[in-house]
Amino acid sequence: MLAELRRLNSQLIRRDRLRQELVDLLESRAAIEPGPLTVNVQPQTNQKLTADNLIPILGRSAVEELVRRIEPTMQTCVRIVSVAPLLDDGLD
């Protein structure tokens, strides 16, 4: 199971690189290759509310009070660690 997860993670990394390369090309007005596929790019914006962004607006004490009252969000990070040398699986 861990080997499969590792393989899939490497595919995600490759996907992210290809996606960024495509975005860069489209932003530079590159032509889309002929074929049955096309692309639709819709830029999106978002705002990140951080304590540093809010302090100038609300003041330090108000931001500290908000931080105390908001429940933290839990995230889990799974890292696959090799405990023995792996055979070359072509994932590098």
Protein backbone atom coordinates (compact mmCIF):
# COMPACT_ATOMS: atom_id res chain seq x y z
CA MET A 1 0.00 0.00 0.00
CA LEU A 2 2.81 2.46 0.84
CA ALA A 3 4.58 1.79 -2.45
CA GLU A 4 1.35 2.48 -4.35
CA LEU A 5 0.82 5.73 -2.41
CA ARG A 6 4.39 6.77 -3.18
CA ARG A 7 3.85 6.03 -6.89
CA LEU A 8 0.66 8.07 -6.94
CA ASN A 9 2.33 10.96 -5.13
CA SER A 10 5.03 11.07 -7.81
CA GLN A 11 2.31 11.23 -10.46
CA LEU A 12 0.73 14.18 -8.65
CA ILE A 13 4.06 15.98 -8.65
CA ARG A 14 4.41 15.38 -12.39
CA ARG A 15 0.81 16.54 -12.93
CA ASP A 16 1.42 19.75 -11.00
CA ARG A 17 4.56 20.49 -13.05
CA LEU A 18 2.75 19.87 -16.34
CA ARG A 19 -0.19 21.98 -15.20
CA GLN A 20 2.09 24.90 -14.31
CA GLU A 21 3.91 24.56 -17.63
CA LEU A 22 0.55 24.70 -19.45
CA VAL A 23 -0.58 27.75 -17.46
CA ASP A 24 2.71 29.51 -18.22
CA LEU A 25 2.36 28.76 -21.93
CA LEU A 26 -1.25 29.95 -22.02
CA GLU A 27 -0.38 33.15 -20.16
CA SER A 28 2.27 33.85 -22.80
CA ARG A 29 -0.41 33.41 -25.48
CA ALA A 30 0.99 30.17 -26.88
CA ALA A 31 -1.16 28.44 -29.47
CA ILE A 32 -3.11 25.36 -28.38
CA GLU A 33 -2.04 22.20 -30.15
CA PRO A 34 -4.58 20.96 -32.70
CA GLY A 35 -6.72 18.02 -31.69
CA PRO A 36 -9.95 17.03 -29.95
CA LEU A 37 -9.07 18.81 -26.68
CA THR A 38 -9.17 22.47 -25.81
CA VAL A 39 -8.65 24.45 -22.64
CA ASN A 40 -10.62 27.01 -20.68
CA VAL A 41 -8.63 29.04 -18.15
CA GLN A 42 -10.48 31.05 -15.52
CA PRO A 43 -8.24 33.04 -13.19
CA GLN A 44 -9.51 33.12 -9.63
CA THR A 45 -8.58 35.32 -6.73
CA ASN A 46 -8.96 34.72 -3.04
CA GLN A 47 -8.09 36.48 0.15
CA LYS A 48 -6.08 34.98 2.97
CA LEU A 49 -7.15 36.32 6.33
CA THR A 50 -4.07 36.15 8.51
CA ALA A 51 -3.33 37.78 11.82
CA ASP A 52 -0.70 39.96 10.15
CA ASN A 53 -3.27 41.18 7.61
CA LEU A 54 -5.94 41.85 10.24
CA ILE A 55 -3.86 43.63 12.92
CA PRO A 56 -3.61 46.94 11.00
CA ILE A 57 -7.39 46.90 10.48
CA LEU A 58 -8.73 45.57 13.80
CA GLY A 59 -5.85 46.12 16.20
CA ARG A 60 -3.67 43.55 17.92
CA SER A 61 -5.94 42.88 20.92
CA ALA A 62 -9.02 42.25 18.74
CA VAL A 63 -7.08 39.85 16.52
CA GLU A 64 -5.64 38.03 19.52
CA GLU A 65 -9.18 37.62 20.90
CA LEU A 66 -10.41 36.22 17.57
CA VAL A 67 -7.51 33.75 17.44
CA ARG A 68 -8.35 32.56 20.96
CA ARG A 69 -12.03 32.03 20.06
CA ILE A 70 -11.57 30.18 16.75
CA GLU A 71 -11.03 26.43 16.93
CA PRO A 72 -7.86 25.22 15.22
CA THR A 73 -8.14 23.15 12.05
CA MET A 74 -6.53 19.72 12.23
CA GLN A 75 -4.54 18.43 9.27
CA THR A 76 -2.70 15.16 8.92
CA CYS A 77 0.48 14.87 6.92
CA VAL A 78 1.53 11.39 5.82
CA ARG A 79 5.16 11.02 4.76
CA ILE A 80 6.49 7.79 3.39
CA VAL A 81 9.95 7.14 4.78
CA SER A 82 12.22 4.51 3.35
CA VAL A 83 13.81 2.36 6.06
CA ALA A 84 15.74 0.25 3.56
CA PRO A 85 17.32 1.02 0.21
CA LEU A 86 14.71 0.90 -2.51
CA LEU A 87 15.21 -0.65 -5.89
CA ASP A 88 15.21 1.88 -8.68
CA ASP A 89 11.51 2.29 -9.42
CA GLY A 90 11.91 5.21 -11.82
CA LEU A 91 10.09 7.65 -9.54
CA ASP A 92 12.93 10.16 -9.12
